[in-house]
Amino acid sequence: MPLQLSGLPGLTKPGVCGLTVSRDHLTIVVPVAVAAALGTYLLTRYFSSQSSSKGRVNLEHNKDSAKVVHSFDVEDLGKKAVYCRCWRSKKFPYCDGAHTKHNEETGDNVGPLIIKRRDA
């Protein structure tokens, strides 16, 4: 005998373990299931993008250090020094122009730090 809630007229669906499903059930369950599935999908996408390495700035340089710090004496710089700020340079900490590709891929606008000596 199919399962039916008292007071609710139902439709018997053959092949569904003999369950009785009413139109009222379908009008409630289907939108709730769709909203739950969509919400789960969106939350999964949001949280997976938060933890991905794409959000990280430094992807490869000195990863074993708690903090990457470089120090230079002004007297040792010469007339001009160009330093990487996108962390993508193969010559890090010096700029090799890798920020151009980084900016194209991410929509960012980062450029190098340029330090020049004033002519006295």
Protein backbone atom coordinates (compact mmCIF):
# COMPACT_ATOMS: atom_id res chain seq x y z
CA MET A 1 0.00 0.00 0.00
CA PRO A 2 1.47 3.39 -0.97
CA LEU A 3 2.47 5.88 1.71
CA GLN A 4 0.12 8.85 1.84
CA LEU A 5 -0.08 11.69 4.32
CA SER A 6 -3.52 12.03 5.84
CA GLY A 7 -5.62 14.79 4.35
CA LEU A 8 -3.46 15.26 1.23
CA PRO A 9 -4.69 13.87 -2.06
CA GLY A 10 -1.86 12.16 -3.89
CA LEU A 11 -0.65 10.69 -7.11
CA THR A 12 0.81 7.21 -7.02
CA LYS A 13 4.05 7.03 -9.04
CA PRO A 14 4.74 3.47 -10.15
CA GLY A 15 8.37 2.42 -9.81
CA VAL A 16 9.13 4.90 -7.02
CA CYS A 17 8.90 2.38 -4.19
CA GLY A 18 5.16 2.85 -4.01
CA LEU A 19 5.38 6.41 -2.64
CA THR A 20 2.49 8.78 -3.09
CA VAL A 21 3.54 12.26 -4.20
CA SER A 22 1.09 15.15 -4.26
CA ARG A 23 1.27 18.25 -6.43
CA ASP A 24 1.72 20.29 -3.25
CA HIS A 25 4.84 18.27 -2.44
CA LEU A 26 6.28 18.83 -5.91
CA THR A 27 5.62 22.59 -5.89
CA ILE A 28 7.55 22.87 -2.62
CA VAL A 29 10.26 20.23 -2.96
CA VAL A 30 11.44 20.98 -6.51
CA PRO A 31 12.19 24.73 -6.00
CA VAL A 32 13.81 24.02 -2.62
CA ALA A 33 16.00 21.29 -4.15
CA VAL A 34 17.01 23.57 -7.04
CA ALA A 35 17.81 26.44 -4.65
CA ALA A 36 19.83 24.10 -2.40
CA ALA A 37 21.80 22.71 -5.35
CA LEU A 38 22.49 26.18 -6.76
CA GLY A 39 23.49 27.52 -3.34
CA THR A 40 25.83 24.60 -2.76
CA TYR A 41 27.42 25.08 -6.17
CA LEU A 42 27.93 28.83 -5.65
CA LEU A 43 29.34 28.41 -2.14
CA THR A 44 31.70 25.68 -3.34
CA ARG A 45 32.95 27.91 -6.16
CA TYR A 46 33.38 30.88 -3.80
CA PHE A 47 35.27 29.00 -1.10
CA SER A 48 37.43 27.02 -3.54
CA SER A 49 38.55 30.26 -5.21
CA GLN A 50 39.39 31.75 -1.80
CA SER A 51 41.83 28.97 -0.98
CA SER A 52 43.44 28.58 -4.39
CA SER A 53 46.99 29.71 -5.06
CA LYS A 54 45.72 32.07 -7.78
CA GLY A 55 44.93 34.56 -5.01
CA ARG A 56 48.47 34.43 -3.70
CA VAL A 57 50.98 37.02 -4.77
CA ASN A 58 54.17 35.02 -4.22
CA LEU A 59 53.82 31.68 -5.98
CA GLU A 60 57.43 30.47 -5.97
CA HIS A 61 60.09 32.68 -4.35
CA ASN A 62 61.57 31.68 -0.96
CA LYS A 63 58.48 29.69 0.05
CA ASP A 64 60.36 28.18 3.00
CA SER A 65 60.70 31.64 4.63
CA ALA A 66 58.00 33.14 6.87
CA LYS A 67 58.51 36.49 5.13
CA VAL A 68 60.51 37.44 2.03
CA VAL A 69 62.66 40.50 2.66
CA HIS A 70 65.41 42.01 0.50
CA SER A 71 67.66 44.82 1.65
CA PHE A 72 69.95 46.94 -0.52
CA ASP A 73 72.35 49.75 0.34
CA VAL A 74 71.65 52.90 -1.68
CA GLU A 75 75.36 53.32 -2.31
CA ASP A 76 75.45 49.95 -4.10
CA LEU A 77 72.58 50.64 -6.52
CA GLY A 78 74.35 52.55 -9.26
CA LYS A 79 72.31 55.07 -11.32
CA LYS A 80 69.09 53.06 -11.54
CA ALA A 81 67.56 49.89 -10.05
CA VAL A 82 64.30 48.25 -11.19
CA TYR A 83 62.61 45.88 -8.72
CA CYS A 84 59.76 43.43 -9.27
CA ARG A 85 56.46 44.05 -7.46
CA CYS A 86 54.35 41.34 -9.15
CA TRP A 87 56.45 38.42 -7.83
CA ARG A 88 56.45 36.77 -11.28
CA SER A 89 59.98 37.75 -12.36
CA LYS A 90 62.44 34.95 -13.10
CA LYS A 91 65.20 37.34 -11.91
CA PHE A 92 63.40 38.22 -8.65
CA PRO A 93 63.86 40.61 -6.83
CA TYR A 94 64.80 42.40 -10.07
CA CYS A 95 62.11 43.09 -12.69
CA ASP A 96 62.22 41.19 -15.98
CA GLY A 97 58.92 42.55 -17.35
CA ALA A 98 56.82 39.55 -16.20
CA HIS A 99 54.23 41.99 -14.84
CA THR A 100 53.02 42.60 -18.41
CA LYS A 101 51.79 39.00 -18.77
CA HIS A 102 50.49 39.02 -15.17
CA ASN A 103 48.47 42.19 -15.87
CA GLU A 104 46.99 40.74 -19.07
CA GLU A 105 45.94 37.52 -17.31
CA THR A 106 44.52 39.10 -14.15
CA GLY A 107 43.43 42.60 -15.16
CA ASP A 108 45.87 43.98 -12.59
CA ASN A 109 47.95 47.11 -13.18
CA VAL A 110 51.11 46.37 -11.19
CA GLY A 111 54.47 47.63 -12.42
CA PRO A 112 58.04 47.69 -11.15
CA LEU A 113 59.58 49.81 -8.42
CA ILE A 114 62.19 52.04 -10.07
CA ILE A 115 64.82 53.74 -7.93
CA LYS A 116 67.05 56.36 -9.57
CA ARG A 117 69.92 58.44 -8.24
CA ARG A 118 69.54 62.17 -8.56
CA ASP A 119 72.23 63.85 -10.54
CA ALA A 120 74.01 66.13 -8.10
